[in-house]
Amino acid sequence: MGNGVCVGMLSTGGTAFDGPLYQYSEAPGATHSVVLRITQGFSPVGEWGPQLLACDVTAVVDWRNLDTGQTGTVTQFIPAGQRSTPAIVLAETGPGRVSLTVRTDRPSLPASTEVVVP
């Protein structure tokens, strides 16, 4: 949900790593973290077609390190028109098994997964 009433969709992919990441990466110097790449909506006819199911929204990533008990929340505003590059969200979780939940700051259906951060 975004400006008023808007049915939207976020697509998320990510990488868990031990690092440190090199200077030209999404998070230079980061260690034992998860980098998420979040995009809005989709285009049924490809990159140059109309984008459907996109709203101005803030993505919220809640995480919990199941081995250490450490928790955190990271947010990133993602405008509906952002198509060419994904929004980058860095969750500095530390090493271990990590539970991640992606949701929005509006009414939404959250998605959860568990990863191992080396």
N, C-alpha and C. Protein backbone atom coordinates (compact mmCIF):
# COMPACT_ATOMS: atom_id res chain seq x y z
N MET A 1 0.86 -1.18 0.00
CA MET A 1 0.00 0.00 0.00
C MET A 1 0.90 1.23 0.00
N GLY A 2 0.54 2.23 -0.72
CA GLY A 2 1.37 3.41 -0.83
C GLY A 2 0.56 4.67 -0.62
N ASN A 3 0.58 5.59 -1.56
CA ASN A 3 -0.13 6.86 -1.46
C ASN A 3 -1.63 6.60 -1.51
N GLY A 4 -2.33 6.73 -0.38
CA GLY A 4 -3.75 6.42 -0.34
C GLY A 4 -3.93 4.92 -0.41
N VAL A 5 -4.73 4.47 -1.40
CA VAL A 5 -4.93 3.04 -1.60
C VAL A 5 -4.22 2.64 -2.87
N CYS A 6 -3.28 1.74 -2.75
CA CYS A 6 -2.50 1.29 -3.90
C CYS A 6 -2.06 -0.14 -3.63
N VAL A 7 -2.39 -1.02 -4.56
CA VAL A 7 -1.95 -2.41 -4.43
C VAL A 7 -0.58 -2.50 -5.09
N GLY A 8 0.42 -2.86 -4.32
CA GLY A 8 1.78 -2.90 -4.83
C GLY A 8 2.45 -4.24 -4.58
N MET A 9 3.63 -4.40 -5.16
CA MET A 9 4.38 -5.64 -5.02
C MET A 9 5.86 -5.31 -4.93
N LEU A 10 6.54 -5.90 -3.95
CA LEU A 10 7.99 -5.79 -3.84
C LEU A 10 8.62 -7.12 -4.23
N SER A 11 9.71 -7.08 -4.96
CA SER A 11 10.49 -8.27 -5.26
C SER A 11 11.85 -8.09 -4.59
N THR A 12 12.28 -9.13 -3.88
CA THR A 12 13.51 -9.02 -3.10
C THR A 12 14.45 -10.18 -3.39
N GLY A 13 15.72 -9.87 -3.54
CA GLY A 13 16.78 -10.86 -3.66
C GLY A 13 17.92 -10.40 -2.77
N GLY A 14 18.78 -11.31 -2.38
CA GLY A 14 19.85 -10.88 -1.49
C GLY A 14 21.04 -11.80 -1.47
N THR A 15 22.07 -11.34 -0.78
CA THR A 15 23.31 -12.10 -0.62
C THR A 15 23.78 -11.97 0.82
N ALA A 16 24.08 -13.11 1.45
CA ALA A 16 24.70 -13.11 2.78
C ALA A 16 26.19 -13.33 2.57
N PHE A 17 27.02 -12.59 3.30
CA PHE A 17 28.46 -12.65 3.07
C PHE A 17 29.23 -12.43 4.35
N ASP A 18 30.53 -12.81 4.33
CA ASP A 18 31.38 -12.57 5.49
C ASP A 18 32.21 -11.31 5.33
N GLY A 19 32.58 -10.94 4.10
CA GLY A 19 33.26 -9.67 3.83
C GLY A 19 34.71 -9.66 4.27
N PRO A 20 35.32 -8.51 4.30
CA PRO A 20 34.74 -7.21 3.97
C PRO A 20 34.55 -7.04 2.46
N LEU A 21 33.49 -6.31 2.10
CA LEU A 21 33.19 -6.07 0.70
C LEU A 21 34.17 -5.04 0.13
N TYR A 22 34.44 -5.17 -1.17
CA TYR A 22 35.38 -4.27 -1.83
C TYR A 22 34.76 -2.88 -2.02
N GLN A 23 35.58 -1.91 -2.37
CA GLN A 23 35.17 -0.51 -2.38
C GLN A 23 34.09 -0.17 -3.40
N TYR A 24 33.89 -0.97 -4.45
CA TYR A 24 32.88 -0.65 -5.47
C TYR A 24 31.60 -1.44 -5.29
N SER A 25 31.41 -2.08 -4.16
CA SER A 25 30.21 -2.86 -3.91
C SER A 25 29.10 -1.98 -3.35
N GLU A 26 27.96 -2.59 -3.07
CA GLU A 26 26.82 -1.87 -2.50
C GLU A 26 27.11 -1.37 -1.09
N ALA A 27 27.98 -2.07 -0.37
CA ALA A 27 28.28 -1.72 1.02
C ALA A 27 29.77 -1.89 1.30
N PRO A 28 30.59 -0.96 0.83
CA PRO A 28 32.04 -1.10 0.98
C PRO A 28 32.46 -1.30 2.44
N GLY A 29 33.28 -2.33 2.66
CA GLY A 29 33.81 -2.60 3.99
C GLY A 29 32.91 -3.38 4.91
N ALA A 30 31.67 -3.64 4.51
CA ALA A 30 30.73 -4.36 5.37
C ALA A 30 31.18 -5.80 5.59
N THR A 31 30.93 -6.32 6.79
CA THR A 31 31.27 -7.71 7.11
C THR A 31 30.08 -8.39 7.76
N HIS A 32 29.99 -9.71 7.59
CA HIS A 32 28.98 -10.55 8.24
C HIS A 32 27.60 -9.89 8.19
N SER A 33 27.11 -9.70 6.97
CA SER A 33 25.86 -8.97 6.75
C SER A 33 25.06 -9.60 5.63
N VAL A 34 23.88 -9.02 5.38
CA VAL A 34 23.02 -9.41 4.27
C VAL A 34 22.72 -8.15 3.47
N VAL A 35 22.95 -8.21 2.15
CA VAL A 35 22.57 -7.11 1.26
C VAL A 35 21.32 -7.56 0.51
N LEU A 36 20.26 -6.77 0.63
CA LEU A 36 19.02 -7.06 -0.08
C LEU A 36 18.85 -6.06 -1.22
N ARG A 37 18.38 -6.55 -2.36
CA ARG A 37 18.06 -5.71 -3.52
C ARG A 37 16.56 -5.78 -3.71
N ILE A 38 15.88 -4.64 -3.55
CA ILE A 38 14.42 -4.61 -3.57
C ILE A 38 13.93 -3.77 -4.74
N THR A 39 13.04 -4.34 -5.53
CA THR A 39 12.44 -3.62 -6.65
C THR A 39 10.93 -3.58 -6.48
N GLN A 40 10.30 -2.65 -7.20
CA GLN A 40 8.85 -2.45 -7.15
C GLN A 40 8.18 -3.05 -8.37
N GLY A 41 7.00 -3.61 -8.19
CA GLY A 41 6.14 -4.00 -9.29
C GLY A 41 6.77 -4.97 -10.27
N PHE A 42 6.14 -5.06 -11.45
CA PHE A 42 6.66 -5.89 -12.53
C PHE A 42 6.10 -5.38 -13.85
N SER A 43 6.74 -5.77 -14.93
CA SER A 43 6.27 -5.42 -16.26
C SER A 43 6.00 -6.71 -17.01
N PRO A 44 4.76 -6.95 -17.44
CA PRO A 44 4.44 -8.21 -18.12
C PRO A 44 5.08 -8.35 -19.50
N VAL A 45 5.57 -7.24 -20.08
CA VAL A 45 6.16 -7.31 -21.42
C VAL A 45 7.65 -6.97 -21.42
N GLY A 46 8.26 -6.92 -20.27
CA GLY A 46 9.69 -6.67 -20.21
C GLY A 46 10.05 -5.31 -19.66
N GLU A 47 11.35 -5.03 -19.68
CA GLU A 47 11.90 -3.85 -19.04
C GLU A 47 11.32 -2.54 -19.56
N TRP A 48 10.98 -2.47 -20.85
CA TRP A 48 10.54 -1.20 -21.43
C TRP A 48 9.02 -1.05 -21.42
N GLY A 49 8.31 -2.05 -20.94
CA GLY A 49 6.85 -1.98 -20.90
C GLY A 49 6.35 -1.24 -19.67
N PRO A 50 5.04 -1.08 -19.56
CA PRO A 50 4.49 -0.40 -18.39
C PRO A 50 4.74 -1.20 -17.12
N GLN A 51 4.96 -0.48 -16.03
CA GLN A 51 5.22 -1.13 -14.74
C GLN A 51 3.91 -1.20 -13.97
N LEU A 52 3.56 -2.39 -13.52
CA LEU A 52 2.32 -2.62 -12.78
C LEU A 52 2.64 -2.90 -11.32
N LEU A 53 1.68 -2.65 -10.47
CA LEU A 53 1.77 -2.94 -9.03
C LEU A 53 2.96 -2.25 -8.37
N ALA A 54 3.10 -0.95 -8.58
CA ALA A 54 4.16 -0.17 -7.95
C ALA A 54 3.55 1.02 -7.22
N CYS A 55 4.01 1.29 -6.01
CA CYS A 55 3.53 2.40 -5.19
C CYS A 55 4.73 3.03 -4.48
N ASP A 56 4.64 4.31 -4.18
CA ASP A 56 5.64 4.91 -3.31
C ASP A 56 5.48 4.27 -1.93
N VAL A 57 6.52 3.63 -1.43
CA VAL A 57 6.40 2.90 -0.18
C VAL A 57 7.77 2.80 0.50
N THR A 58 7.78 2.61 1.79
CA THR A 58 9.01 2.35 2.53
C THR A 58 9.08 0.87 2.85
N ALA A 59 10.14 0.22 2.37
CA ALA A 59 10.37 -1.19 2.69
C ALA A 59 10.99 -1.26 4.08
N VAL A 60 10.54 -2.22 4.87
CA VAL A 60 11.04 -2.42 6.23
C VAL A 60 11.57 -3.85 6.33
N VAL A 61 12.82 -3.99 6.72
CA VAL A 61 13.43 -5.31 6.89
C VAL A 61 13.72 -5.50 8.37
N ASP A 62 13.01 -6.43 8.99
CA ASP A 62 13.25 -6.80 10.39
C ASP A 62 14.12 -8.05 10.38
N TRP A 63 15.15 -8.08 11.22
CA TRP A 63 16.00 -9.26 11.26
C TRP A 63 16.30 -9.66 12.71
N ARG A 64 16.58 -10.95 12.87
CA ARG A 64 16.96 -11.48 14.18
C ARG A 64 18.01 -12.56 13.96
N ASN A 65 19.16 -12.40 14.61
CA ASN A 65 20.20 -13.41 14.57
C ASN A 65 19.81 -14.49 15.58
N LEU A 66 19.47 -15.66 15.08
CA LEU A 66 18.97 -16.74 15.94
C LEU A 66 20.05 -17.34 16.83
N ASP A 67 21.31 -17.13 16.49
CA ASP A 67 22.41 -17.65 17.29
C ASP A 67 22.82 -16.70 18.41
N THR A 68 22.78 -15.39 18.16
CA THR A 68 23.24 -14.41 19.16
C THR A 68 22.10 -13.67 19.85
N GLY A 69 20.89 -13.70 19.25
CA GLY A 69 19.76 -12.96 19.81
C GLY A 69 19.71 -11.50 19.40
N GLN A 70 20.72 -11.04 18.68
CA GLN A 70 20.75 -9.65 18.22
C GLN A 70 19.62 -9.41 17.21
N THR A 71 18.98 -8.24 17.28
CA THR A 71 17.89 -7.90 16.37
C THR A 71 18.12 -6.51 15.76
N GLY A 72 17.39 -6.23 14.71
CA GLY A 72 17.48 -4.91 14.10
C GLY A 72 16.40 -4.71 13.06
N THR A 73 16.24 -3.47 12.66
CA THR A 73 15.30 -3.09 11.61
C THR A 73 15.99 -2.08 10.70
N VAL A 74 15.84 -2.27 9.39
CA VAL A 74 16.42 -1.37 8.41
C VAL A 74 15.29 -0.94 7.48
N THR A 75 15.23 0.36 7.14
CA THR A 75 14.18 0.85 6.25
C THR A 75 14.79 1.53 5.02
N GLN A 76 14.03 1.54 3.93
CA GLN A 76 14.47 2.19 2.70
C GLN A 76 13.24 2.64 1.92
N PHE A 77 13.14 3.95 1.64
CA PHE A 77 12.05 4.44 0.80
C PHE A 77 12.31 4.01 -0.64
N ILE A 78 11.27 3.50 -1.30
CA ILE A 78 11.38 3.07 -2.69
C ILE A 78 10.27 3.74 -3.49
N PRO A 79 10.62 4.70 -4.35
CA PRO A 79 9.60 5.36 -5.15
C PRO A 79 9.05 4.43 -6.23
N ALA A 80 7.78 4.61 -6.58
CA ALA A 80 7.13 3.75 -7.57
C ALA A 80 7.84 3.79 -8.91
N GLY A 81 8.42 4.92 -9.27
CA GLY A 81 9.06 5.06 -10.57
C GLY A 81 10.47 4.51 -10.66
N GLN A 82 11.02 3.98 -9.56
CA GLN A 82 12.39 3.47 -9.58
C GLN A 82 12.41 2.10 -10.25
N ARG A 83 12.85 2.07 -11.51
CA ARG A 83 12.79 0.84 -12.28
C ARG A 83 14.15 0.28 -12.64
N SER A 84 15.09 1.13 -12.97
CA SER A 84 16.34 0.65 -13.55
C SER A 84 17.30 0.05 -12.53
N THR A 85 17.27 0.52 -11.30
CA THR A 85 18.17 -0.03 -10.28
C THR A 85 17.38 -0.38 -9.03
N PRO A 86 17.70 -1.50 -8.41
CA PRO A 86 16.99 -1.86 -7.18
C PRO A 86 17.44 -0.99 -6.00
N ALA A 87 16.58 -0.87 -5.01
CA ALA A 87 16.96 -0.22 -3.75
C ALA A 87 17.85 -1.20 -3.00
N ILE A 88 18.91 -0.70 -2.40
CA ILE A 88 19.86 -1.55 -1.66
C ILE A 88 19.64 -1.36 -0.17
N VAL A 89 19.45 -2.46 0.55
CA VAL A 89 19.26 -2.43 2.00
C VAL A 89 20.33 -3.33 2.62
N LEU A 90 21.09 -2.80 3.57
CA LEU A 90 22.14 -3.55 4.25
C LEU A 90 21.69 -3.87 5.67
N ALA A 91 21.64 -5.15 6.00
CA ALA A 91 21.33 -5.60 7.36
C ALA A 91 22.61 -6.15 7.96
N GLU A 92 23.18 -5.43 8.93
CA GLU A 92 24.44 -5.84 9.55
C GLU A 92 24.12 -6.77 10.72
N THR A 93 23.95 -8.05 10.41
CA THR A 93 23.42 -9.05 11.33
C THR A 93 24.45 -9.75 12.18
N GLY A 94 25.71 -9.75 11.75
CA GLY A 94 26.71 -10.59 12.39
C GLY A 94 26.57 -12.01 11.88
N PRO A 95 27.56 -12.87 12.15
CA PRO A 95 27.51 -14.23 11.64
C PRO A 95 26.48 -15.08 12.38
N GLY A 96 25.93 -16.07 11.67
CA GLY A 96 24.99 -17.02 12.28
C GLY A 96 23.74 -17.19 11.45
N ARG A 97 22.78 -17.94 12.02
CA ARG A 97 21.48 -18.13 11.37
C ARG A 97 20.65 -16.87 11.60
N VAL A 98 20.09 -16.33 10.53
CA VAL A 98 19.37 -15.06 10.62
C VAL A 98 17.98 -15.20 10.00
N SER A 99 16.98 -14.76 10.74
CA SER A 99 15.61 -14.69 10.25
C SER A 99 15.36 -13.28 9.73
N LEU A 100 14.87 -13.16 8.48
CA LEU A 100 14.58 -11.88 7.86
C LEU A 100 13.10 -11.79 7.51
N THR A 101 12.49 -10.65 7.77
CA THR A 101 11.11 -10.39 7.35
C THR A 101 11.08 -9.07 6.60
N VAL A 102 10.53 -9.09 5.38
CA VAL A 102 10.38 -7.89 4.57
C VAL A 102 8.91 -7.51 4.58
N ARG A 103 8.63 -6.25 4.90
CA ARG A 103 7.27 -5.72 4.93
C ARG A 103 7.33 -4.26 4.50
N THR A 104 6.21 -3.57 4.55
CA THR A 104 6.20 -2.15 4.26
C THR A 104 5.70 -1.39 5.47
N ASP A 105 5.78 -0.06 5.40
CA ASP A 105 5.27 0.77 6.47
C ASP A 105 3.76 0.98 6.35
N ARG A 106 3.14 0.34 5.39
CA ARG A 106 1.69 0.40 5.16
C ARG A 106 1.11 -0.99 5.41
N PRO A 107 -0.21 -1.14 5.42
CA PRO A 107 -0.76 -2.49 5.53
C PRO A 107 -0.19 -3.38 4.42
N SER A 108 0.33 -4.54 4.79
CA SER A 108 0.99 -5.39 3.80
C SER A 108 1.01 -6.84 4.29
N LEU A 109 1.37 -7.73 3.39
CA LEU A 109 1.59 -9.13 3.72
C LEU A 109 3.10 -9.34 3.79
N PRO A 110 3.66 -9.51 4.98
CA PRO A 110 5.12 -9.67 5.10
C PRO A 110 5.58 -11.02 4.55
N ALA A 111 6.83 -11.05 4.13
CA ALA A 111 7.46 -12.29 3.66
C ALA A 111 8.69 -12.53 4.52
N SER A 112 8.87 -13.78 4.94
CA SER A 112 9.99 -14.13 5.83
C SER A 112 10.83 -15.24 5.24
N THR A 113 12.10 -15.24 5.63
CA THR A 113 13.02 -16.32 5.25
C THR A 113 14.11 -16.43 6.31
N GLU A 114 14.86 -17.50 6.23
CA GLU A 114 15.99 -17.69 7.15
C GLU A 114 17.22 -17.97 6.30
N VAL A 115 18.34 -17.30 6.65
CA VAL A 115 19.60 -17.47 5.92
C VAL A 115 20.72 -17.71 6.92
N VAL A 116 21.84 -18.20 6.42
CA VAL A 116 23.04 -18.35 7.25
C VAL A 116 24.06 -17.32 6.75
N VAL A 117 24.50 -16.47 7.66
CA VAL A 117 25.51 -15.47 7.34
C VAL A 117 26.85 -16.02 7.81
N PRO A 118 27.81 -16.18 6.86
CA PRO A 118 29.10 -16.75 7.25
C PRO A 118 29.91 -15.82 8.14
